[in-house]
Amino acid sequence: MRTYYIAFLRRGPAWTAEKTPESIAAGQGHMANIQRLADCGKLLIAGPFDVGPNPPADALAGLFIFDVPTLEEALALSQTDPAVKAGRFTLEVMPWYGPAGLTYDGDEPPKPGARCEP
């Protein structure tokens, strides 16, 4: 067992179901940032929650599980997400004690030269 950092994403003040150029760009940036952090080996798992058809305004939206040495680094990496920057998501990051070697089927090692800085 070891410490990871888990980020819970909630719908933020700028969240909307409406498809606007801004919401589409934030969503695309969100997915690209997830891939970038996964390529670095710092983001182990990310995914959405199924909140049903009528969730509350601040419903849990998804989570990130980071494999980094400090809470500060997990917070800094979380803040690189374009959807967080745009206010579509807010987040809470906390330490989580889980199994060493946490991964999922299809996990790949970090990509050489991946840009990992916040």
C-alpha atoms as a PDB file:
ATOM      1  CA  MET A   1       0.000   0.000   0.000  1.00  0.00           C
ATOM      2  CA  ARG A   2       1.125   3.566  -0.667  1.00  0.00           C
ATOM      3  CA  THR A   3      -0.086   7.152  -0.974  1.00  0.00           C
ATOM      4  CA  TYR A   4      -1.540   8.548  -4.181  1.00  0.00           C
ATOM      5  CA  TYR A   5      -3.442  11.804  -4.619  1.00  0.00           C
ATOM      6  CA  ILE A   6      -7.044  11.739  -5.745  1.00  0.00           C
ATOM      7  CA  ALA A   7      -8.824  14.747  -7.225  1.00  0.00           C
ATOM      8  CA  PHE A   8     -12.603  14.894  -7.193  1.00  0.00           C
ATOM      9  CA  LEU A   9     -13.949  17.126  -9.957  1.00  0.00           C
ATOM     10  CA  ARG A  10     -17.330  18.807  -9.513  1.00  0.00           C
ATOM     11  CA  ARG A  11     -19.378  20.888 -11.875  1.00  0.00           C
ATOM     12  CA  GLY A  12     -18.145  24.442 -11.498  1.00  0.00           C
ATOM     13  CA  PRO A  13     -19.807  27.838 -11.803  1.00  0.00           C
ATOM     14  CA  ALA A  14     -19.211  27.971 -15.574  1.00  0.00           C
ATOM     15  CA  TRP A  15     -20.485  24.440 -16.252  1.00  0.00           C
ATOM     16  CA  THR A  16     -23.251  24.120 -18.799  1.00  0.00           C
ATOM     17  CA  ALA A  17     -24.644  21.249 -20.845  1.00  0.00           C
ATOM     18  CA  GLU A  18     -24.934  23.647 -23.763  1.00  0.00           C
ATOM     19  CA  LYS A  19     -22.461  23.015 -26.588  1.00  0.00           C
ATOM     20  CA  THR A  20     -20.770  26.320 -27.245  1.00  0.00           C
ATOM     21  CA  PRO A  21     -17.413  26.943 -28.914  1.00  0.00           C
ATOM     22  CA  GLU A  22     -16.014  27.686 -25.433  1.00  0.00           C
ATOM     23  CA  SER A  23     -17.396  24.519 -23.822  1.00  0.00           C
ATOM     24  CA  ILE A  24     -16.202  22.390 -26.740  1.00  0.00           C
ATOM     25  CA  ALA A  25     -12.708  23.908 -26.547  1.00  0.00           C
ATOM     26  CA  ALA A  26     -12.577  23.386 -22.770  1.00  0.00           C
ATOM     27  CA  GLY A  27     -13.668  19.761 -23.189  1.00  0.00           C
ATOM     28  CA  GLN A  28     -11.082  19.106 -25.878  1.00  0.00           C
ATOM     29  CA  GLY A  29      -8.404  20.754 -23.745  1.00  0.00           C
ATOM     30  CA  HIS A  30      -9.514  18.695 -20.734  1.00  0.00           C
ATOM     31  CA  MET A  31      -9.088  15.444 -22.677  1.00  0.00           C
ATOM     32  CA  ALA A  32      -5.731  16.535 -24.153  1.00  0.00           C
ATOM     33  CA  ASN A  33      -4.462  17.458 -20.689  1.00  0.00           C
ATOM     34  CA  ILE A  34      -5.534  14.066 -19.323  1.00  0.00           C
ATOM     35  CA  GLN A  35      -3.581  12.382 -22.125  1.00  0.00           C
ATOM     36  CA  ARG A  36      -0.532  14.611 -21.527  1.00  0.00           C
ATOM     37  CA  LEU A  37      -0.434  13.788 -17.810  1.00  0.00           C
ATOM     38  CA  ALA A  38      -0.972  10.084 -18.506  1.00  0.00           C
ATOM     39  CA  ASP A  39       1.889  10.153 -21.041  1.00  0.00           C
ATOM     40  CA  CYS A  40       4.120  11.515 -18.253  1.00  0.00           C
ATOM     41  CA  GLY A  41       3.126   8.711 -15.899  1.00  0.00           C
ATOM     42  CA  LYS A  42       1.802  11.222 -13.345  1.00  0.00           C
ATOM     43  CA  LEU A  43      -1.920  10.625 -13.938  1.00  0.00           C
ATOM     44  CA  LEU A  44      -2.769   6.969 -13.456  1.00  0.00           C
ATOM     45  CA  ILE A  45      -6.530   6.952 -13.793  1.00  0.00           C
ATOM     46  CA  ALA A  46      -9.165   9.487 -14.821  1.00  0.00           C
ATOM     47  CA  GLY A  47     -12.817   9.168 -15.586  1.00  0.00           C
ATOM     48  CA  PRO A  48     -16.311  10.576 -15.246  1.00  0.00           C
ATOM     49  CA  PHE A  49     -19.112   9.693 -12.852  1.00  0.00           C
ATOM     50  CA  ASP A  50     -22.553   8.723 -14.149  1.00  0.00           C
ATOM     51  CA  VAL A  51     -24.620  11.420 -12.464  1.00  0.00           C
ATOM     52  CA  GLY A  52     -27.936  10.592 -14.096  1.00  0.00           C
ATOM     53  CA  PRO A  53     -30.317  12.888 -15.951  1.00  0.00           C
ATOM     54  CA  ASN A  54     -30.905  15.599 -13.302  1.00  0.00           C
ATOM     55  CA  PRO A  55     -27.795  16.007 -11.130  1.00  0.00           C
ATOM     56  CA  PRO A  56     -27.386  18.895  -8.704  1.00  0.00           C
ATOM     57  CA  ALA A  57     -25.492  21.958  -9.895  1.00  0.00           C
ATOM     58  CA  ASP A  58     -22.318  20.942  -8.044  1.00  0.00           C
ATOM     59  CA  ALA A  59     -22.524  17.219  -8.862  1.00  0.00           C
ATOM     60  CA  LEU A  60     -19.411  15.089  -8.836  1.00  0.00           C
ATOM     61  CA  ALA A  61     -18.214  14.998 -12.419  1.00  0.00           C
ATOM     62  CA  GLY A  62     -15.107  12.809 -12.345  1.00  0.00           C
ATOM     63  CA  LEU A  63     -11.830  11.952 -10.712  1.00  0.00           C
ATOM     64  CA  PHE A  64      -8.096  11.909 -11.273  1.00  0.00           C
ATOM     65  CA  ILE A  65      -5.635   9.648  -9.446  1.00  0.00           C
ATOM     66  CA  PHE A  66      -2.113  11.060  -9.449  1.00  0.00           C
ATOM     67  CA  ASP A  67       1.132   9.227  -8.772  1.00  0.00           C
ATOM     68  CA  VAL A  68       3.246  12.141  -7.541  1.00  0.00           C
ATOM     69  CA  PRO A  69       5.274  12.679  -4.364  1.00  0.00           C
ATOM     70  CA  THR A  70       3.345  15.621  -2.885  1.00  0.00           C
ATOM     71  CA  LEU A  71      -0.089  17.128  -2.534  1.00  0.00           C
ATOM     72  CA  GLU A  72       1.313  20.395  -3.889  1.00  0.00           C
ATOM     73  CA  GLU A  73       2.353  18.734  -7.148  1.00  0.00           C
ATOM     74  CA  ALA A  74      -1.050  17.061  -7.515  1.00  0.00           C
ATOM     75  CA  LEU A  75      -2.739  20.435  -6.968  1.00  0.00           C
ATOM     76  CA  ALA A  76      -0.457  22.144  -9.490  1.00  0.00           C
ATOM     77  CA  LEU A  77      -1.085  19.450 -12.114  1.00  0.00           C
ATOM     78  CA  SER A  78      -4.845  19.658 -11.502  1.00  0.00           C
ATOM     79  CA  GLN A  79      -4.741  23.388 -12.168  1.00  0.00           C
ATOM     80  CA  THR A  80      -3.295  22.801 -15.667  1.00  0.00           C
ATOM     81  CA  ASP A  81      -6.661  21.442 -16.832  1.00  0.00           C
ATOM     82  CA  PRO A  82      -8.333  23.890 -19.258  1.00  0.00           C
ATOM     83  CA  ALA A  83     -11.818  22.975 -17.970  1.00  0.00           C
ATOM     84  CA  VAL A  84     -10.720  23.794 -14.409  1.00  0.00           C
ATOM     85  CA  LYS A  85      -9.164  27.067 -15.595  1.00  0.00           C
ATOM     86  CA  ALA A  86     -12.423  27.919 -17.402  1.00  0.00           C
ATOM     87  CA  GLY A  87     -14.507  27.263 -14.264  1.00  0.00           C
ATOM     88  CA  ARG A  88     -16.355  24.318 -15.810  1.00  0.00           C
ATOM     89  CA  PHE A  89     -14.971  22.136 -13.008  1.00  0.00           C
ATOM     90  CA  THR A  90     -13.846  22.770  -9.474  1.00  0.00           C
ATOM     91  CA  LEU A  91     -11.778  20.208  -7.657  1.00  0.00           C
ATOM     92  CA  GLU A  92     -10.690  18.908  -4.300  1.00  0.00           C
ATOM     93  CA  VAL A  93      -7.410  17.002  -4.000  1.00  0.00           C
ATOM     94  CA  MET A  94      -6.514  14.768  -1.070  1.00  0.00           C
ATOM     95  CA  PRO A  95      -4.135  11.939  -0.210  1.00  0.00           C
ATOM     96  CA  TRP A  96      -5.476   8.444  -0.833  1.00  0.00           C
ATOM     97  CA  TYR A  97      -3.923   5.232   0.425  1.00  0.00           C
ATOM     98  CA  GLY A  98      -4.180   2.512  -2.221  1.00  0.00           C
ATOM     99  CA  PRO A  99      -2.455  -0.569  -3.617  1.00  0.00           C
ATOM    100  CA  ALA A 100       1.143  -0.171  -4.786  1.00  0.00           C
ATOM    101  CA  GLY A 101       1.404  -0.459  -8.547  1.00  0.00           C
ATOM    102  CA  LEU A 102      -2.109   0.874  -9.176  1.00  0.00           C
ATOM    103  CA  THR A 103      -2.870   0.656 -12.887  1.00  0.00           C
ATOM    104  CA  TYR A 104      -5.451  -0.561 -15.367  1.00  0.00           C
ATOM    105  CA  ASP A 105      -5.442  -2.912 -18.363  1.00  0.00           C
ATOM    106  CA  GLY A 106      -3.612  -1.322 -21.256  1.00  0.00           C
ATOM    107  CA  ASP A 107      -1.491   0.960 -19.062  1.00  0.00           C
ATOM    108  CA  GLU A 108       1.659   2.078 -20.836  1.00  0.00           C
ATOM    109  CA  PRO A 109       4.919   3.357 -19.349  1.00  0.00           C
ATOM    110  CA  PRO A 110       5.572   7.104 -19.468  1.00  0.00           C
ATOM    111  CA  LYS A 111       6.445   8.325 -22.952  1.00  0.00           C
ATOM    112  CA  PRO A 112      10.041   9.547 -23.377  1.00  0.00           C
ATOM    113  CA  GLY A 113      10.207  13.314 -23.631  1.00  0.00           C
ATOM    114  CA  ALA A 114       6.624  13.876 -22.417  1.00  0.00           C
ATOM    115  CA  ARG A 115       6.154  17.396 -20.990  1.00  0.00           C
ATOM    116  CA  CYS A 116       5.071  16.955 -17.397  1.00  0.00           C
ATOM    117  CA  GLU A 117       5.549  20.303 -15.691  1.00  0.00           C
ATOM    118  CA  PRO A 118       2.475  22.082 -14.340  1.00  0.00           C
END
